[in-house]
Amino acid sequence: WVRDVSVSNPLTFVLDVFTLHQTLYLTDIPMMYTFMLLGAAL
């Protein structure tokens, strides 16, 4: 699932993970729940 994923800068990749701009196979589900729960509070 990462053979087609290009990471030119590891630090940028990590930063994108922290800012919820980057995900991978299977880890997209908890990201989706994070967004939903934020919206649910409103």
Full PDB file with SEQRES, HELIX, SHEET, SSBOND, CRYST1, ORIGX, SCALE, CONECT and MASTER records, all heavy atoms in Angstrom:
SEQRES   1 A   42  TRP VAL ARG ASP VAL SER VAL SER ASN PRO LEU THR PHE          
SEQRES   2 A   42  VAL LEU ASP VAL PHE THR LEU HIS GLN THR LEU TYR LEU          
SEQRES   3 A   42  THR ASP ILE PRO MET MET TYR THR PHE MET LEU LEU GLY          
SEQRES   4 A   42  ALA ALA LEU                                                  
HELIX    1 AA1 PRO A   10  PHE A   18  1                                   9    
HELIX    2 AA2 ASP A   28  ALA A   41  1                                  14    
CRYST1    1.000    1.000    1.000  90.00  90.00  90.00 P 1           1          
ORIGX1      1.000000  0.000000  0.000000        0.00000                         
ORIGX2      0.000000  1.000000  0.000000        0.00000                         
ORIGX3      0.000000  0.000000  1.000000        0.00000                         
SCALE1      1.000000  0.000000  0.000000        0.00000                         
SCALE2      0.000000  1.000000  0.000000        0.00000                         
SCALE3      0.000000  0.000000  1.000000        0.00000                         
ATOM      1  N   TRP A   1       0.797  -1.229   0.000  1.00  0.00           N  
ATOM      2  CA  TRP A   1       0.000   0.000   0.000  1.00  0.00           C  
ATOM      3  C   TRP A   1       0.834   1.285   0.000  1.00  0.00           C  
ATOM      4  O   TRP A   1       0.267   2.376  -0.059  1.00  0.00           O  
ATOM      5  CB  TRP A   1      -0.940   0.011   1.205  1.00  0.00           C  
ATOM      6  CG  TRP A   1      -0.307  -0.431   2.477  1.00  0.00           C  
ATOM      7  CD1 TRP A   1       0.484   0.287   3.314  1.00  0.00           C  
ATOM      8  CD2 TRP A   1      -0.400  -1.737   3.060  1.00  0.00           C  
ATOM      9  NE1 TRP A   1       0.894  -0.464   4.378  1.00  0.00           N  
ATOM     10  CE2 TRP A   1       0.356  -1.714   4.263  1.00  0.00           C  
ATOM     11  CE3 TRP A   1      -1.054  -2.914   2.698  1.00  0.00           C  
ATOM     12  CZ2 TRP A   1       0.468  -2.831   5.080  1.00  0.00           C  
ATOM     13  CZ3 TRP A   1      -0.934  -4.011   3.517  1.00  0.00           C  
ATOM     14  CH2 TRP A   1      -0.190  -3.977   4.681  1.00  0.00           C  
ATOM     15  N   VAL A   2       2.171   1.191   0.064  1.00  0.00           N  
ATOM     16  CA  VAL A   2       2.995   2.406  -0.007  1.00  0.00           C  
ATOM     17  C   VAL A   2       3.905   2.426  -1.240  1.00  0.00           C  
ATOM     18  O   VAL A   2       4.701   3.356  -1.393  1.00  0.00           O  
ATOM     19  CB  VAL A   2       3.869   2.573   1.262  1.00  0.00           C  
ATOM     20  CG1 VAL A   2       2.996   2.760   2.483  1.00  0.00           C  
ATOM     21  CG2 VAL A   2       4.822   1.405   1.432  1.00  0.00           C  
ATOM     22  N   ARG A   3       3.771   1.440  -2.098  1.00  0.00           N  
ATOM     23  CA  ARG A   3       4.658   1.382  -3.260  1.00  0.00           C  
ATOM     24  C   ARG A   3       4.397   2.504  -4.254  1.00  0.00           C  
ATOM     25  O   ARG A   3       5.266   2.859  -5.040  1.00  0.00           O  
ATOM     26  CB  ARG A   3       4.520   0.013  -3.939  1.00  0.00           C  
ATOM     27  CG  ARG A   3       5.140  -1.104  -3.101  1.00  0.00           C  
ATOM     28  CD  ARG A   3       4.858  -2.477  -3.629  1.00  0.00           C  
ATOM     29  NE  ARG A   3       5.367  -3.504  -2.714  1.00  0.00           N  
ATOM     30  CZ  ARG A   3       5.078  -4.791  -2.787  1.00  0.00           C  
ATOM     31  NH1 ARG A   3       4.269  -5.227  -3.757  1.00  0.00           N  
ATOM     32  NH2 ARG A   3       5.579  -5.643  -1.914  1.00  0.00           N  
ATOM     33  N   ASP A   4       3.211   3.056  -4.226  1.00  0.00           N  
ATOM     34  CA  ASP A   4       2.890   4.178  -5.108  1.00  0.00           C  
ATOM     35  C   ASP A   4       2.880   5.509  -4.364  1.00  0.00           C  
ATOM     36  O   ASP A   4       2.492   6.536  -4.917  1.00  0.00           O  
ATOM     37  CB  ASP A   4       1.530   3.956  -5.776  1.00  0.00           C  
ATOM     38  CG  ASP A   4       1.529   2.760  -6.711  1.00  0.00           C  
ATOM     39  OD1 ASP A   4       2.584   2.483  -7.309  1.00  0.00           O  
ATOM     40  OD2 ASP A   4       0.482   2.092  -6.831  1.00  0.00           O  
ATOM     41  N   VAL A   5       3.286   5.489  -3.103  1.00  0.00           N  
ATOM     42  CA  VAL A   5       3.321   6.715  -2.294  1.00  0.00           C  
ATOM     43  C   VAL A   5       4.719   7.315  -2.369  1.00  0.00           C  
ATOM     44  O   VAL A   5       5.708   6.658  -2.047  1.00  0.00           O  
ATOM     45  CB  VAL A   5       2.956   6.423  -0.826  1.00  0.00           C  
ATOM     46  CG1 VAL A   5       3.041   7.703   0.004  1.00  0.00           C  
ATOM     47  CG2 VAL A   5       1.565   5.815  -0.734  1.00  0.00           C  
ATOM     48  N   SER A   6       4.781   8.548  -2.805  1.00  0.00           N  
ATOM     49  CA  SER A   6       6.066   9.223  -2.940  1.00  0.00           C  
ATOM     50  C   SER A   6       6.286  10.173  -1.757  1.00  0.00           C  
ATOM     51  O   SER A   6       5.446  11.045  -1.482  1.00  0.00           O  
ATOM     52  CB  SER A   6       6.108  10.012  -4.256  1.00  0.00           C  
ATOM     53  OG  SER A   6       7.314  10.735  -4.366  1.00  0.00           O  
ATOM     54  N   VAL A   7       7.406   9.996  -1.068  1.00  0.00           N  
ATOM     55  CA  VAL A   7       7.756  10.870   0.061  1.00  0.00           C  
ATOM     56  C   VAL A   7       9.071  11.554  -0.270  1.00  0.00           C  
ATOM     57  O   VAL A   7      10.152  10.981  -0.135  1.00  0.00           O  
ATOM     58  CB  VAL A   7       7.881  10.061   1.363  1.00  0.00           C  
ATOM     59  CG1 VAL A   7       8.254  10.991   2.509  1.00  0.00           C  
ATOM     60  CG2 VAL A   7       6.576   9.326   1.665  1.00  0.00           C  
ATOM     61  N   SER A   8       8.993  12.791  -0.723  1.00  0.00           N  
ATOM     62  CA  SER A   8      10.195  13.524  -1.106  1.00  0.00           C  
ATOM     63  C   SER A   8      10.922  14.092   0.107  1.00  0.00           C  
ATOM     64  O   SER A   8      12.139  14.214   0.123  1.00  0.00           O  
ATOM     65  CB  SER A   8       9.837  14.655  -2.072  1.00  0.00           C  
ATOM     66  OG  SER A   8       8.870  15.511  -1.493  1.00  0.00           O  
ATOM     67  N   ASN A   9      10.147  14.437   1.124  1.00  0.00           N  
ATOM     68  CA  ASN A   9      10.732  15.029   2.344  1.00  0.00           C  
ATOM     69  C   ASN A   9      10.067  14.395   3.562  1.00  0.00           C  
ATOM     70  O   ASN A   9       8.894  14.664   3.848  1.00  0.00           O  
ATOM     71  CB  ASN A   9      10.513  16.539   2.343  1.00  0.00           C  
ATOM     72  CG  ASN A   9      11.265  17.227   3.468  1.00  0.00           C  
ATOM     73  OD1 ASN A   9      11.400  16.685   4.565  1.00  0.00           O  
ATOM     74  ND2 ASN A   9      11.763  18.418   3.203  1.00  0.00           N  
ATOM     75  N   PRO A  10      10.775  13.563   4.320  1.00  0.00           N  
ATOM     76  CA  PRO A  10      10.188  12.900   5.497  1.00  0.00           C  
ATOM     77  C   PRO A  10       9.617  13.873   6.519  1.00  0.00           C  
ATOM     78  O   PRO A  10       8.578  13.602   7.130  1.00  0.00           O  
ATOM     79  CB  PRO A  10      11.363  12.113   6.074  1.00  0.00           C  
ATOM     80  CG  PRO A  10      12.273  11.879   4.914  1.00  0.00           C  
ATOM     81  CD  PRO A  10      12.152  13.113   4.069  1.00  0.00           C  
ATOM     82  N   LEU A  11      10.281  15.014   6.708  1.00  0.00           N  
ATOM     83  CA  LEU A  11       9.787  15.983   7.685  1.00  0.00           C  
ATOM     84  C   LEU A  11       8.445  16.568   7.251  1.00  0.00           C  
ATOM     85  O   LEU A  11       7.553  16.780   8.078  1.00  0.00           O  
ATOM     86  CB  LEU A  11      10.815  17.093   7.889  1.00  0.00           C  
ATOM     87  CG  LEU A  11      12.114  16.692   8.603  1.00  0.00           C  
ATOM     88  CD1 LEU A  11      13.053  17.888   8.717  1.00  0.00           C  
ATOM     89  CD2 LEU A  11      11.819  16.108   9.985  1.00  0.00           C  
ATOM     90  N   THR A  12       8.311  16.831   5.953  1.00  0.00           N  
ATOM     91  CA  THR A  12       7.045  17.337   5.433  1.00  0.00           C  
ATOM     92  C   THR A  12       5.947  16.291   5.598  1.00  0.00           C  
ATOM     93  O   THR A  12       4.806  16.618   5.941  1.00  0.00           O  
ATOM     94  CB  THR A  12       7.187  17.713   3.948  1.00  0.00           C  
ATOM     95  OG1 THR A  12       8.185  18.729   3.817  1.00  0.00           O  
ATOM     96  CG2 THR A  12       5.869  18.218   3.390  1.00  0.00           C  
ATOM     97  N   PHE A  13       6.298  15.031   5.345  1.00  0.00           N  
ATOM     98  CA  PHE A  13       5.347  13.933   5.513  1.00  0.00           C  
ATOM     99  C   PHE A  13       4.848  13.885   6.959  1.00  0.00           C  
ATOM    100  O   PHE A  13       3.632  13.794   7.209  1.00  0.00           O  
ATOM    101  CB  PHE A  13       6.007  12.605   5.135  1.00  0.00           C  
ATOM    102  CG  PHE A  13       5.111  11.415   5.274  1.00  0.00           C  
ATOM    103  CD1 PHE A  13       4.300  11.012   4.223  1.00  0.00           C  
ATOM    104  CD2 PHE A  13       5.072  10.685   6.464  1.00  0.00           C  
ATOM    105  CE1 PHE A  13       3.470   9.895   4.358  1.00  0.00           C  
ATOM    106  CE2 PHE A  13       4.244   9.581   6.605  1.00  0.00           C  
ATOM    107  CZ  PHE A  13       3.450   9.186   5.545  1.00  0.00           C  
ATOM    108  N   VAL A  14       5.759  13.970   7.907  1.00  0.00           N  
ATOM    109  CA  VAL A  14       5.383  13.926   9.327  1.00  0.00           C  
ATOM    110  C   VAL A  14       4.525  15.122   9.693  1.00  0.00           C  
ATOM    111  O   VAL A  14       3.516  14.997  10.409  1.00  0.00           O  
ATOM    112  CB  VAL A  14       6.641  13.867  10.210  1.00  0.00           C  
ATOM    113  CG1 VAL A  14       6.267  14.032  11.685  1.00  0.00           C  
ATOM    114  CG2 VAL A  14       7.394  12.563  10.000  1.00  0.00           C  
ATOM    115  N   LEU A  15       4.893  16.299   9.204  1.00  0.00           N  
ATOM    116  CA  LEU A  15       4.105  17.505   9.478  1.00  0.00           C  
ATOM    117  C   LEU A  15       2.695  17.367   8.912  1.00  0.00           C  
ATOM    118  O   LEU A  15       1.714  17.756   9.567  1.00  0.00           O  
ATOM    119  CB  LEU A  15       4.797  18.734   8.887  1.00  0.00           C  
ATOM    120  CG  LEU A  15       4.067  20.074   9.081  1.00  0.00           C  
ATOM    121  CD1 LEU A  15       3.924  20.392  10.565  1.00  0.00           C  
ATOM    122  CD2 LEU A  15       4.816  21.194   8.369  1.00  0.00           C  
ATOM    123  N   ASP A  16       2.588  16.811   7.720  1.00  0.00           N  
ATOM    124  CA  ASP A  16       1.267  16.612   7.105  1.00  0.00           C  
ATOM    125  C   ASP A  16       0.433  15.618   7.905  1.00  0.00           C  
ATOM    126  O   ASP A  16      -0.798  15.753   7.970  1.00  0.00           O  
ATOM    127  CB  ASP A  16       1.426  16.118   5.664  1.00  0.00           C  
ATOM    128  CG  ASP A  16       1.884  17.205   4.719  1.00  0.00           C  
ATOM    129  OD1 ASP A  16       1.777  18.391   5.092  1.00  0.00           O  
ATOM    130  OD2 ASP A  16       2.360  16.878   3.612  1.00  0.00           O  
ATOM    131  N   VAL A  17       1.076  14.627   8.505  1.00  0.00           N  
ATOM    132  CA  VAL A  17       0.346  13.680   9.357  1.00  0.00           C  
ATOM    133  C   VAL A  17      -0.208  14.402  10.579  1.00  0.00           C  
ATOM    134  O   VAL A  17      -1.378  14.221  10.951  1.00  0.00           O  
ATOM    135  CB  VAL A  17       1.266  12.516   9.793  1.00  0.00           C  
ATOM    136  CG1 VAL A  17       0.582  11.677  10.874  1.00  0.00           C  
ATOM    137  CG2 VAL A  17       1.625  11.639   8.600  1.00  0.00           C  
ATOM    138  N   PHE A  18       0.600  15.262  11.187  1.00  0.00           N  
ATOM    139  CA  PHE A  18       0.159  15.997  12.380  1.00  0.00           C  
ATOM    140  C   PHE A  18      -0.963  16.983  12.061  1.00  0.00           C  
ATOM    141  O   PHE A  18      -1.820  17.245  12.913  1.00  0.00           O  
ATOM    142  CB  PHE A  18       1.341  16.732  13.014  1.00  0.00           C  
ATOM    143  CG  PHE A  18       2.099  15.911  14.010  1.00  0.00           C  
ATOM    144  CD1 PHE A  18       3.209  15.173  13.625  1.00  0.00           C  
ATOM    145  CD2 PHE A  18       1.703  15.867  15.338  1.00  0.00           C  
ATOM    146  CE1 PHE A  18       3.919  14.409  14.546  1.00  0.00           C  
ATOM    147  CE2 PHE A  18       2.396  15.108  16.270  1.00  0.00           C  
ATOM    148  CZ  PHE A  18       3.505  14.372  15.869  1.00  0.00           C  
ATOM    149  N   THR A  19      -0.955  17.544  10.859  1.00  0.00           N  
ATOM    150  CA  THR A  19      -1.987  18.521  10.485  1.00  0.00           C  
ATOM    151  C   THR A  19      -3.156  17.875   9.750  1.00  0.00           C  
ATOM    152  O   THR A  19      -4.015  18.575   9.196  1.00  0.00           O  
ATOM    153  CB  THR A  19      -1.381  19.624   9.604  1.00  0.00           C  
ATOM    154  OG1 THR A  19      -0.791  19.037   8.435  1.00  0.00           O  
ATOM    155  CG2 THR A  19      -0.338  20.406  10.379  1.00  0.00           C  
ATOM    156  N   LEU A  20      -3.192  16.541   9.727  1.00  0.00           N  
ATOM    157  CA  LEU A  20      -4.273  15.778   9.099  1.00  0.00           C  
ATOM    158  C   LEU A  20      -4.402  16.068   7.604  1.00  0.00           C  
ATOM    159  O   LEU A  20      -5.506  16.158   7.066  1.00  0.00           O  
ATOM    160  CB  LEU A  20      -5.603  16.045   9.813  1.00  0.00           C  
ATOM    161  CG  LEU A  20      -5.634  15.736  11.316  1.00  0.00           C  
ATOM    162  CD1 LEU A  20      -7.023  15.983  11.885  1.00  0.00           C  
ATOM    163  CD2 LEU A  20      -5.187  14.313  11.600  1.00  0.00           C  
ATOM    164  N   HIS A  21      -3.256  16.204   6.947  1.00  0.00           N  
ATOM    165  CA  HIS A  21      -3.231  16.358   5.494  1.00  0.00           C  
ATOM    166  C   HIS A  21      -2.656  15.120   4.804  1.00  0.00           C  
ATOM    167  O   HIS A  21      -2.564  15.086   3.581  1.00  0.00           O  
ATOM    168  CB  HIS A  21      -2.392  17.583   5.092  1.00  0.00           C  
ATOM    169  CG  HIS A  21      -3.102  18.887   5.301  1.00  0.00           C  
ATOM    170  ND1 HIS A  21      -3.198  19.492   6.541  1.00  0.00           N  
ATOM    171  CD2 HIS A  21      -3.752  19.706   4.433  1.00  0.00           C  
ATOM    172  CE1 HIS A  21      -3.864  20.639   6.416  1.00  0.00           C  
ATOM    173  NE2 HIS A  21      -4.214  20.791   5.148  1.00  0.00           N  
ATOM    174  N   GLN A  22      -2.233  14.140   5.604  1.00  0.00           N  
ATOM    175  CA  GLN A  22      -1.624  12.932   5.057  1.00  0.00           C  
ATOM    176  C   GLN A  22      -2.135  11.715   5.816  1.00  0.00           C  
ATOM    177  O   GLN A  22      -2.203  11.724   7.047  1.00  0.00           O  
ATOM    178  CB  GLN A  22      -0.097  12.990   5.167  1.00  0.00           C  
ATOM    179  CG  GLN A  22       0.626  11.734   4.724  1.00  0.00           C  
ATOM    180  CD  GLN A  22       0.552  11.518   3.218  1.00  0.00           C  
ATOM    181  OE1 GLN A  22       0.938  12.388   2.440  1.00  0.00           O  
ATOM    182  NE2 GLN A  22       0.059  10.352   2.813  1.00  0.00           N  
ATOM    183  N   THR A  23      -2.500  10.685   5.084  1.00  0.00           N  
ATOM    184  CA  THR A  23      -2.912   9.437   5.708  1.00  0.00           C  
ATOM    185  C   THR A  23      -2.448   8.286   4.846  1.00  0.00           C  
ATOM    186  O   THR A  23      -1.820   8.489   3.797  1.00  0.00           O  
ATOM    187  CB  THR A  23      -4.443   9.395   5.900  1.00  0.00           C  
ATOM    188  OG1 THR A  23      -4.794   8.247   6.675  1.00  0.00           O  
ATOM    189  CG2 THR A  23      -5.167   9.337   4.563  1.00  0.00           C  
ATOM    190  N   LEU A  24      -2.754   7.063   5.270  1.00  0.00           N  
ATOM    191  CA  LEU A  24      -2.400   5.865   4.521  1.00  0.00           C  
ATOM    192  C   LEU A  24      -3.557   4.878   4.589  1.00  0.00           C  
ATOM    193  O   LEU A  24      -4.542   5.096   5.306  1.00  0.00           O  
ATOM    194  CB  LEU A  24      -1.136   5.201   5.100  1.00  0.00           C  
ATOM    195  CG  LEU A  24       0.226   5.848   4.834  1.00  0.00           C  
ATOM    196  CD1 LEU A  24       1.308   5.038   5.530  1.00  0.00           C  
ATOM    197  CD2 LEU A  24       0.514   5.961   3.344  1.00  0.00           C  
ATOM    198  N   TYR A  25      -3.406   3.807   3.876  1.00  0.00           N  
ATOM    199  CA  TYR A  25      -4.356   2.699   3.943  1.00  0.00           C  
ATOM    200  C   TYR A  25      -4.558   2.281   5.401  1.00  0.00           C  
ATOM    201  O   TYR A  25      -3.594   2.138   6.162  1.00  0.00           O  
ATOM    202  CB  TYR A  25      -3.794   1.535   3.122  1.00  0.00           C  
ATOM    203  CG  TYR A  25      -4.508   0.220   3.288  1.00  0.00           C  
ATOM    204  CD1 TYR A  25      -5.825   0.053   2.853  1.00  0.00           C  
ATOM    205  CD2 TYR A  25      -3.864  -0.869   3.872  1.00  0.00           C  
ATOM    206  CE1 TYR A  25      -6.471  -1.162   2.995  1.00  0.00           C  
ATOM    207  CE2 TYR A  25      -4.498  -2.092   4.016  1.00  0.00           C  
ATOM    208  CZ  TYR A  25      -5.805  -2.233   3.576  1.00  0.00           C  
ATOM    209  OH  TYR A  25      -6.441  -3.438   3.728  1.00  0.00           O  
ATOM    210  N   LEU A  26      -5.803   2.126   5.827  1.00  0.00           N  
ATOM    211  CA  LEU A  26      -6.236   1.737   7.166  1.00  0.00           C  
ATOM    212  C   LEU A  26      -6.151   2.845   8.206  1.00  0.00           C  
ATOM    213  O   LEU A  26      -6.933   2.848   9.162  1.00  0.00           O  
ATOM    214  CB  LEU A  26      -5.457   0.513   7.683  1.00  0.00           C  
ATOM    215  CG  LEU A  26      -5.648  -0.795   6.905  1.00  0.00           C  
ATOM    216  CD1 LEU A  26      -4.871  -1.930   7.575  1.00  0.00           C  
ATOM    217  CD2 LEU A  26      -7.115  -1.164   6.783  1.00  0.00           C  
ATOM    218  N   THR A  27      -5.224   3.790   8.061  1.00  0.00           N  
ATOM    219  CA  THR A  27      -5.164   4.877   9.043  1.00  0.00           C  
ATOM    220  C   THR A  27      -6.099   6.034   8.663  1.00  0.00           C  
ATOM    221  O   THR A  27      -6.239   6.987   9.430  1.00  0.00           O  
ATOM    222  CB  THR A  27      -3.729   5.422   9.195  1.00  0.00           C  
ATOM    223  OG1 THR A  27      -3.313   6.041   7.985  1.00  0.00           O  
ATOM    224  CG2 THR A  27      -2.774   4.301   9.556  1.00  0.00           C  
ATOM    225  N   ASP A  28      -6.729   5.923   7.482  1.00  0.00           N  
ATOM    226  CA  ASP A  28      -7.680   6.958   7.082  1.00  0.00           C  
ATOM    227  C   ASP A  28      -8.973   6.881   7.893  1.00  0.00           C  
ATOM    228  O   ASP A  28      -9.679   7.881   8.037  1.00  0.00           O  
ATOM    229  CB  ASP A  28      -7.990   6.862   5.588  1.00  0.00           C  
ATOM    230  CG  ASP A  28      -8.440   5.469   5.174  1.00  0.00           C  
ATOM    231  OD1 ASP A  28      -8.328   4.532   5.986  1.00  0.00           O  
ATOM    232  OD2 ASP A  28      -8.873   5.301   4.022  1.00  0.00           O  
ATOM    233  N   ILE A  29      -9.263   5.715   8.448  1.00  0.00           N  
ATOM    234  CA  ILE A  29     -10.505   5.566   9.205  1.00  0.00           C  
ATOM    235  C   ILE A  29     -10.477   6.358  10.518  1.00  0.00           C  
ATOM    236  O   ILE A  29     -11.404   7.130  10.790  1.00  0.00           O  
ATOM    237  CB  ILE A  29     -10.810   4.077   9.451  1.00  0.00           C  
ATOM    238  CG1 ILE A  29     -11.062   3.378   8.106  1.00  0.00           C  
ATOM    239  CG2 ILE A  29     -12.012   3.904  10.375  1.00  0.00           C  
ATOM    240  CD1 ILE A  29     -11.337   1.900   8.216  1.00  0.00           C  
ATOM    241  N   PRO A  30      -9.445   6.222  11.368  1.00  0.00           N  
ATOM    242  CA  PRO A  30      -9.426   7.063  12.578  1.00  0.00           C  
ATOM    243  C   PRO A  30      -9.363   8.552  12.264  1.00  0.00           C  
ATOM    244  O   PRO A  30      -9.893   9.372  13.029  1.00  0.00           O  
ATOM    245  CB  PRO A  30      -8.182   6.584  13.339  1.00  0.00           C  
ATOM    246  CG  PRO A  30      -7.363   5.833  12.347  1.00  0.00           C  
ATOM    247  CD  PRO A  30      -8.333   5.255  11.374  1.00  0.00           C  
ATOM    248  N   MET A  31      -8.733   8.920  11.126  1.00  0.00           N  
ATOM    249  CA  MET A  31      -8.734  10.329  10.740  1.00  0.00           C  
ATOM    250  C   MET A  31     -10.156  10.792  10.447  1.00  0.00           C  
ATOM    251  O   MET A  31     -10.574  11.879  10.868  1.00  0.00           O  
ATOM    252  CB  MET A  31      -7.851  10.573   9.520  1.00  0.00           C  
ATOM    253  CG  MET A  31      -7.894  12.013   9.027  1.00  0.00           C  
ATOM    254  SD  MET A  31      -6.972  12.324   7.511  1.00  0.00           S  
ATOM    255  CE  MET A  31      -5.297  12.278   8.130  1.00  0.00           C  
ATOM    256  N   MET A  32     -10.917   9.965   9.738  1.00  0.00           N  
ATOM    257  CA  MET A  32     -12.297  10.315   9.418  1.00  0.00           C  
ATOM    258  C   MET A  32     -13.115  10.495  10.698  1.00  0.00           C  
ATOM    259  O   MET A  32     -13.906  11.433  10.820  1.00  0.00           O  
ATOM    260  CB  MET A  32     -12.916   9.233   8.534  1.00  0.00           C  
ATOM    261  CG  MET A  32     -14.371   9.484   8.179  1.00  0.00           C  
ATOM    262  SD  MET A  32     -15.035   8.277   6.994  1.00  0.00           S  
ATOM    263  CE  MET A  32     -14.982   6.771   7.983  1.00  0.00           C  
ATOM    264  N   TYR A  33     -12.918   9.614  11.673  1.00  0.00           N  
ATOM    265  CA  TYR A  33     -13.638   9.729  12.935  1.00  0.00           C  
ATOM    266  C   TYR A  33     -13.255  10.988  13.691  1.00  0.00           C  
ATOM    267  O   TYR A  33     -14.087  11.605  14.359  1.00  0.00           O  
ATOM    268  CB  TYR A  33     -13.364   8.507  13.806  1.00  0.00           C  
ATOM    269  CG  TYR A  33     -14.202   7.307  13.441  1.00  0.00           C  
ATOM    270  CD1 TYR A  33     -13.628   6.192  12.857  1.00  0.00           C  
ATOM    271  CD2 TYR A  33     -15.570   7.296  13.687  1.00  0.00           C  
ATOM    272  CE1 TYR A  33     -14.396   5.088  12.521  1.00  0.00           C  
ATOM    273  CE2 TYR A  33     -16.341   6.204  13.352  1.00  0.00           C  
ATOM    274  CZ  TYR A  33     -15.746   5.098  12.772  1.00  0.00           C  
ATOM    275  OH  TYR A  33     -16.510   4.015  12.436  1.00  0.00           O  
ATOM    276  N   THR A  34     -12.003  11.383  13.612  1.00  0.00           N  
ATOM    277  CA  THR A  34     -11.562  12.609  14.280  1.00  0.00           C  
ATOM    278  C   THR A  34     -12.334  13.808  13.737  1.00  0.00           C  
ATOM    279  O   THR A  34     -12.851  14.635  14.508  1.00  0.00           O  
ATOM    280  CB  THR A  34     -10.055  12.823  14.079  1.00  0.00           C  
ATOM    281  OG1 THR A  34      -9.332  11.708  14.607  1.00  0.00           O  
ATOM    282  CG2 THR A  34      -9.586  14.091  14.781  1.00  0.00           C  
ATOM    283  N   PHE A  35     -12.422  13.902  12.420  1.00  0.00           N  
ATOM    284  CA  PHE A  35     -13.175  14.998  11.804  1.00  0.00           C  
ATOM    285  C   PHE A  35     -14.650  14.942  12.197  1.00  0.00           C  
ATOM    286  O   PHE A  35     -15.280  15.965  12.488  1.00  0.00           O  
ATOM    287  CB  PHE A  35     -13.044  14.943  10.284  1.00  0.00           C  
ATOM    288  CG  PHE A  35     -11.739  15.473   9.753  1.00  0.00           C  
ATOM    289  CD1 PHE A  35     -10.940  14.688   8.930  1.00  0.00           C  
ATOM    290  CD2 PHE A  35     -11.311  16.745  10.066  1.00  0.00           C  
ATOM    291  CE1 PHE A  35      -9.744  15.177   8.429  1.00  0.00           C  
ATOM    292  CE2 PHE A  35     -10.113  17.246   9.584  1.00  0.00           C  
ATOM    293  CZ  PHE A  35      -9.333  16.448   8.752  1.00  0.00           C  
ATOM    294  N   MET A  36     -15.227  13.747  12.186  1.00  0.00           N  
ATOM    295  CA  MET A  36     -16.647  13.603  12.507  1.00  0.00           C  
ATOM    296  C   MET A  36     -16.939  14.026  13.941  1.00  0.00           C  
ATOM    297  O   MET A  36     -17.953  14.675  14.214  1.00  0.00           O  
ATOM    298  CB  MET A  36     -17.089  12.158  12.293  1.00  0.00           C  
ATOM    299  CG  MET A  36     -17.242  11.759  10.840  1.00  0.00           C  
ATOM    300  SD  MET A  36     -17.761  10.036  10.682  1.00  0.00           S  
ATOM    301  CE  MET A  36     -17.910   9.889   8.890  1.00  0.00           C  
ATOM    302  N   LEU A  37     -16.049  13.658  14.853  1.00  0.00           N  
ATOM    303  CA  LEU A  37     -16.286  14.003  16.247  1.00  0.00           C  
ATOM    304  C   LEU A  37     -16.157  15.504  16.484  1.00  0.00           C  
ATOM    305  O   LEU A  37     -16.866  16.076  17.314  1.00  0.00           O  
ATOM    306  CB  LEU A  37     -15.312  13.235  17.149  1.00  0.00           C  
ATOM    307  CG  LEU A  37     -15.956  12.563  18.362  1.00  0.00           C  
ATOM    308  CD1 LEU A  37     -17.046  11.604  17.911  1.00  0.00           C  
ATOM    309  CD2 LEU A  37     -14.927  11.823  19.184  1.00  0.00           C  
ATOM    310  N   LEU A  38     -15.252  16.148  15.759  1.00  0.00           N  
ATOM    311  CA  LEU A  38     -15.154  17.604  15.848  1.00  0.00           C  
ATOM    312  C   LEU A  38     -16.453  18.248  15.369  1.00  0.00           C  
ATOM    313  O   LEU A  38     -16.974  19.176  15.992  1.00  0.00           O  
ATOM    314  CB  LEU A  38     -13.972  18.102  15.012  1.00  0.00           C  
ATOM    315  CG  LEU A  38     -12.575  17.830  15.571  1.00  0.00           C  
ATOM    316  CD1 LEU A  38     -11.514  18.184  14.539  1.00  0.00           C  
ATOM    317  CD2 LEU A  38     -12.347  18.615  16.862  1.00  0.00           C  
ATOM    318  N   GLY A  39     -16.971  17.749  14.257  1.00  0.00           N  
ATOM    319  CA  GLY A  39     -18.233  18.278  13.744  1.00  0.00           C  
ATOM    320  C   GLY A  39     -19.403  17.962  14.661  1.00  0.00           C  
ATOM    321  O   GLY A  39     -20.337  18.766  14.796  1.00  0.00           O  
ATOM    322  N   ALA A  40     -19.353  16.796  15.326  1.00  0.00           N  
ATOM    323  CA  ALA A  40     -20.445  16.401  16.204  1.00  0.00           C  
ATOM    324  C   ALA A  40     -20.567  17.326  17.406  1.00  0.00           C  
ATOM    325  O   ALA A  40     -21.668  17.567  17.905  1.00  0.00           O  
ATOM    326  CB  ALA A  40     -20.238  14.962  16.664  1.00  0.00           C  
ATOM    327  N   ALA A  41     -19.446  17.850  17.873  1.00  0.00           N  
ATOM    328  CA  ALA A  41     -19.492  18.788  18.999  1.00  0.00           C  
ATOM    329  C   ALA A  41     -20.300  20.028  18.625  1.00  0.00           C  
ATOM    330  O   ALA A  41     -21.050  20.574  19.446  1.00  0.00           O  
ATOM    331  CB  ALA A  41     -18.078  19.171  19.413  1.00  0.00           C  
ATOM    332  N   LEU A  42     -20.158  20.479  17.381  1.00  0.00           N  
ATOM    333  CA  LEU A  42     -20.947  21.621  16.910  1.00  0.00           C  
ATOM    334  C   LEU A  42     -22.392  21.227  16.626  1.00  0.00           C  
ATOM    335  O   LEU A  42     -23.324  21.994  16.876  1.00  0.00           O  
ATOM    336  CB  LEU A  42     -20.301  22.193  15.643  1.00  0.00           C  
ATOM    337  CG  LEU A  42     -18.873  22.724  15.786  1.00  0.00           C  
ATOM    338  CD1 LEU A  42     -18.334  23.179  14.438  1.00  0.00           C  
ATOM    339  CD2 LEU A  42     -18.826  23.868  16.789  1.00  0.00           C  
TER     340      LEU A  42                                                      
MASTER        0    0    0    2    0    0    0    6  339    1    0    4          
END                                                                             
